[in-house]
N, C-alpha and C. Protein backbone atom coordinates (compact mmCIF):
# COMPACT_ATOMS: atom_id res chain seq x y z
N UNK A 1 -39.13 -5.62 -23.66
CA UNK A 1 -39.81 -5.15 -22.47
C UNK A 1 -38.80 -4.45 -21.56
N UNK A 2 -39.19 -3.36 -20.97
CA UNK A 2 -38.31 -2.58 -20.10
C UNK A 2 -38.27 -3.17 -18.69
N UNK A 3 -37.14 -2.99 -18.00
CA UNK A 3 -37.03 -3.42 -16.61
C UNK A 3 -38.04 -2.65 -15.77
N UNK A 4 -38.62 -3.33 -14.79
CA UNK A 4 -39.60 -2.72 -13.90
C UNK A 4 -39.22 -3.02 -12.45
N UNK A 5 -39.52 -2.10 -11.56
CA UNK A 5 -39.38 -2.33 -10.13
C UNK A 5 -40.43 -3.36 -9.72
N UNK A 6 -40.04 -4.35 -8.91
CA UNK A 6 -40.97 -5.44 -8.59
C UNK A 6 -41.29 -5.58 -7.10
N UNK A 7 -40.82 -4.64 -6.28
CA UNK A 7 -41.10 -4.72 -4.85
C UNK A 7 -42.58 -4.88 -4.53
N UNK A 8 -43.45 -4.00 -5.03
CA UNK A 8 -44.88 -4.14 -4.75
C UNK A 8 -45.47 -5.45 -5.30
N UNK A 9 -44.95 -5.91 -6.43
CA UNK A 9 -45.42 -7.18 -6.98
C UNK A 9 -45.08 -8.34 -6.05
N UNK A 10 -43.84 -8.35 -5.55
CA UNK A 10 -43.44 -9.40 -4.61
C UNK A 10 -44.26 -9.33 -3.33
N UNK A 11 -44.54 -8.12 -2.87
CA UNK A 11 -45.39 -7.95 -1.68
C UNK A 11 -46.77 -8.55 -1.94
N UNK A 12 -47.33 -8.31 -3.12
CA UNK A 12 -48.68 -8.80 -3.43
C UNK A 12 -48.71 -10.32 -3.55
N UNK A 13 -47.57 -10.94 -3.86
CA UNK A 13 -47.49 -12.40 -3.92
C UNK A 13 -47.26 -13.03 -2.55
N UNK A 14 -47.06 -12.19 -1.52
CA UNK A 14 -46.87 -12.67 -0.17
C UNK A 14 -45.46 -13.16 0.10
N UNK A 15 -44.48 -12.64 -0.63
CA UNK A 15 -43.09 -13.05 -0.45
C UNK A 15 -42.59 -12.67 0.94
N UNK A 16 -41.97 -13.62 1.61
CA UNK A 16 -41.39 -13.38 2.92
C UNK A 16 -39.98 -13.97 2.97
N UNK A 17 -39.20 -13.58 3.94
CA UNK A 17 -37.86 -14.14 4.16
C UNK A 17 -37.63 -14.27 5.65
N UNK A 18 -36.87 -15.27 6.04
CA UNK A 18 -36.57 -15.53 7.45
C UNK A 18 -35.33 -14.72 7.83
N UNK A 19 -35.53 -13.48 8.26
CA UNK A 19 -34.44 -12.58 8.63
C UNK A 19 -34.45 -12.35 10.13
N UNK A 20 -33.25 -12.34 10.72
CA UNK A 20 -33.11 -12.02 12.13
C UNK A 20 -33.08 -10.51 12.33
N UNK A 21 -33.20 -10.07 13.56
CA UNK A 21 -33.25 -8.64 13.87
C UNK A 21 -32.02 -7.88 13.40
N UNK A 22 -30.84 -8.48 13.45
CA UNK A 22 -29.62 -7.78 13.05
C UNK A 22 -29.14 -8.12 11.65
N UNK A 23 -29.91 -8.93 10.90
CA UNK A 23 -29.50 -9.33 9.56
C UNK A 23 -29.54 -8.15 8.60
N UNK A 24 -28.57 -8.09 7.69
CA UNK A 24 -28.48 -7.00 6.72
C UNK A 24 -28.43 -7.59 5.31
N UNK A 25 -29.56 -7.65 4.61
CA UNK A 25 -29.55 -8.16 3.24
C UNK A 25 -28.70 -7.24 2.34
N UNK A 26 -27.89 -7.84 1.48
CA UNK A 26 -27.01 -7.06 0.60
C UNK A 26 -27.31 -7.25 -0.87
N UNK A 27 -27.84 -8.40 -1.24
CA UNK A 27 -28.13 -8.70 -2.64
C UNK A 27 -29.40 -9.51 -2.72
N UNK A 28 -30.04 -9.50 -3.89
CA UNK A 28 -31.23 -10.32 -4.10
C UNK A 28 -31.25 -10.83 -5.53
N UNK A 29 -31.72 -12.07 -5.66
CA UNK A 29 -31.94 -12.69 -6.95
C UNK A 29 -33.33 -13.29 -6.89
N UNK A 30 -34.18 -12.92 -7.82
CA UNK A 30 -35.57 -13.36 -7.80
C UNK A 30 -35.87 -14.12 -9.08
N UNK A 31 -36.43 -15.32 -8.96
CA UNK A 31 -36.91 -16.07 -10.10
C UNK A 31 -38.42 -16.05 -10.07
N UNK A 32 -39.04 -15.70 -11.20
CA UNK A 32 -40.50 -15.60 -11.26
C UNK A 32 -41.04 -16.45 -12.39
N UNK A 33 -42.08 -17.21 -12.11
CA UNK A 33 -42.83 -17.90 -13.15
C UNK A 33 -43.89 -16.92 -13.62
N UNK A 34 -43.91 -16.67 -14.92
CA UNK A 34 -44.80 -15.66 -15.49
C UNK A 34 -45.65 -16.31 -16.57
N UNK A 35 -46.93 -16.02 -16.59
CA UNK A 35 -47.81 -16.45 -17.68
C UNK A 35 -48.00 -15.25 -18.60
N UNK A 36 -47.54 -15.39 -19.82
CA UNK A 36 -47.61 -14.32 -20.81
C UNK A 36 -49.05 -14.15 -21.30
N UNK A 37 -49.32 -13.04 -21.98
CA UNK A 37 -50.66 -12.77 -22.48
C UNK A 37 -51.17 -13.85 -23.42
N UNK A 38 -50.27 -14.48 -24.18
CA UNK A 38 -50.67 -15.53 -25.11
C UNK A 38 -50.80 -16.90 -24.44
N UNK A 39 -50.60 -16.97 -23.11
CA UNK A 39 -50.71 -18.22 -22.36
C UNK A 39 -49.40 -18.96 -22.19
N UNK A 40 -48.36 -18.50 -22.85
CA UNK A 40 -47.04 -19.14 -22.69
C UNK A 40 -46.53 -18.91 -21.27
N UNK A 41 -45.79 -19.88 -20.76
CA UNK A 41 -45.20 -19.78 -19.42
C UNK A 41 -43.71 -19.49 -19.58
N UNK A 42 -43.22 -18.54 -18.80
CA UNK A 42 -41.81 -18.16 -18.89
C UNK A 42 -41.21 -18.08 -17.49
N UNK A 43 -39.91 -18.23 -17.43
CA UNK A 43 -39.16 -18.04 -16.19
C UNK A 43 -38.35 -16.76 -16.37
N UNK A 44 -38.55 -15.80 -15.45
CA UNK A 44 -37.90 -14.49 -15.56
C UNK A 44 -37.02 -14.29 -14.34
N UNK A 45 -35.85 -13.69 -14.55
CA UNK A 45 -34.91 -13.43 -13.45
C UNK A 45 -34.85 -11.93 -13.19
N UNK A 46 -34.88 -11.57 -11.91
CA UNK A 46 -34.65 -10.20 -11.49
C UNK A 46 -33.50 -10.19 -10.51
N UNK A 47 -32.79 -9.06 -10.43
CA UNK A 47 -31.66 -9.00 -9.50
C UNK A 47 -31.49 -7.59 -8.97
N UNK A 48 -30.84 -7.51 -7.82
CA UNK A 48 -30.55 -6.21 -7.24
C UNK A 48 -29.42 -5.56 -8.03
N UNK A 49 -29.34 -4.24 -7.95
CA UNK A 49 -28.33 -3.48 -8.69
C UNK A 49 -26.91 -3.88 -8.31
N UNK A 50 -26.71 -4.24 -7.04
CA UNK A 50 -25.36 -4.54 -6.56
C UNK A 50 -24.92 -5.98 -6.81
N UNK A 51 -25.79 -6.82 -7.34
CA UNK A 51 -25.46 -8.23 -7.52
C UNK A 51 -24.43 -8.42 -8.63
N UNK A 52 -23.26 -8.97 -8.26
CA UNK A 52 -22.24 -9.24 -9.27
C UNK A 52 -22.46 -10.63 -9.86
N UNK A 53 -21.77 -10.94 -10.95
CA UNK A 53 -22.03 -12.20 -11.65
C UNK A 53 -21.63 -13.42 -10.84
N UNK A 54 -20.61 -13.31 -10.02
CA UNK A 54 -20.18 -14.45 -9.21
C UNK A 54 -21.25 -14.78 -8.17
N UNK A 55 -21.75 -13.77 -7.48
CA UNK A 55 -22.80 -13.99 -6.49
C UNK A 55 -24.09 -14.43 -7.18
N UNK A 56 -24.36 -13.86 -8.36
CA UNK A 56 -25.55 -14.26 -9.13
C UNK A 56 -25.53 -15.72 -9.53
N UNK A 57 -24.36 -16.27 -9.73
CA UNK A 57 -24.21 -17.69 -10.05
C UNK A 57 -24.21 -18.52 -8.77
N UNK A 58 -23.58 -18.01 -7.73
CA UNK A 58 -23.47 -18.76 -6.48
C UNK A 58 -24.78 -18.89 -5.71
N UNK A 59 -25.60 -17.84 -5.73
CA UNK A 59 -26.84 -17.89 -4.95
C UNK A 59 -27.78 -19.01 -5.40
N UNK A 60 -28.08 -19.15 -6.70
CA UNK A 60 -28.97 -20.26 -7.08
C UNK A 60 -28.31 -21.63 -6.88
N UNK A 61 -26.99 -21.70 -7.02
CA UNK A 61 -26.28 -22.95 -6.77
C UNK A 61 -26.44 -23.36 -5.31
N UNK A 62 -26.24 -22.41 -4.40
CA UNK A 62 -26.42 -22.68 -2.97
C UNK A 62 -27.87 -23.01 -2.66
N UNK A 63 -28.80 -22.32 -3.29
CA UNK A 63 -30.23 -22.58 -3.06
C UNK A 63 -30.60 -24.00 -3.47
N UNK A 64 -30.06 -24.47 -4.59
CA UNK A 64 -30.31 -25.84 -5.01
C UNK A 64 -29.79 -26.84 -3.98
N UNK A 65 -28.63 -26.56 -3.44
CA UNK A 65 -28.06 -27.44 -2.41
C UNK A 65 -28.96 -27.48 -1.18
N UNK A 66 -29.45 -26.34 -0.76
CA UNK A 66 -30.33 -26.27 0.41
C UNK A 66 -31.64 -27.02 0.12
N UNK A 67 -32.22 -26.80 -1.05
CA UNK A 67 -33.48 -27.45 -1.40
C UNK A 67 -33.33 -28.96 -1.53
N UNK A 68 -32.21 -29.41 -2.10
CA UNK A 68 -32.02 -30.83 -2.35
C UNK A 68 -31.50 -31.61 -1.15
N UNK A 69 -30.65 -30.99 -0.33
CA UNK A 69 -30.00 -31.71 0.76
C UNK A 69 -30.47 -31.28 2.14
N UNK A 70 -31.15 -30.16 2.22
CA UNK A 70 -31.57 -29.66 3.52
C UNK A 70 -30.51 -28.76 4.11
N UNK A 71 -30.90 -27.99 5.06
CA UNK A 71 -30.01 -27.03 5.70
C UNK A 71 -30.51 -26.78 7.10
N UNK A 72 -29.61 -26.81 8.05
CA UNK A 72 -29.98 -26.49 9.42
C UNK A 72 -29.22 -25.25 9.84
N UNK A 73 -29.93 -24.28 10.37
CA UNK A 73 -29.31 -23.05 10.84
C UNK A 73 -28.46 -23.34 12.06
N UNK A 74 -27.24 -22.86 12.06
CA UNK A 74 -26.34 -23.08 13.18
C UNK A 74 -26.59 -22.00 14.23
N UNK A 75 -26.75 -22.43 15.47
CA UNK A 75 -26.96 -21.48 16.57
C UNK A 75 -25.63 -20.81 16.88
N UNK A 76 -25.57 -19.48 16.70
CA UNK A 76 -24.35 -18.74 16.95
C UNK A 76 -24.24 -18.28 18.38
N UNK A 77 -25.30 -18.51 19.16
CA UNK A 77 -25.27 -18.09 20.55
C UNK A 77 -25.71 -16.63 20.72
N UNK A 78 -25.95 -15.93 19.61
CA UNK A 78 -26.38 -14.54 19.68
C UNK A 78 -27.88 -14.48 19.64
N UNK A 79 -28.46 -13.48 20.27
CA UNK A 79 -29.91 -13.27 20.21
C UNK A 79 -30.30 -12.81 18.84
N UNK A 80 -31.42 -13.30 18.35
CA UNK A 80 -31.90 -12.88 17.03
C UNK A 80 -32.93 -11.80 17.16
């Protein structure tokens, strides 16, 4: 199967992110649960063009930590 752009697909799934006014996203890693035509369930990974392998490994590792242990945003004193 060929790589496909997934922006509109993510929009249709209602994907959102908690971004502040001055935040600048630089990379993205997307995990998708997909039901194949034969009914099989698969996990598919998508990534931004600029994502290097170290960040690609670090992002899900950090996400697991946040999901398992919790995370509180630190107030930097700047307006969002």
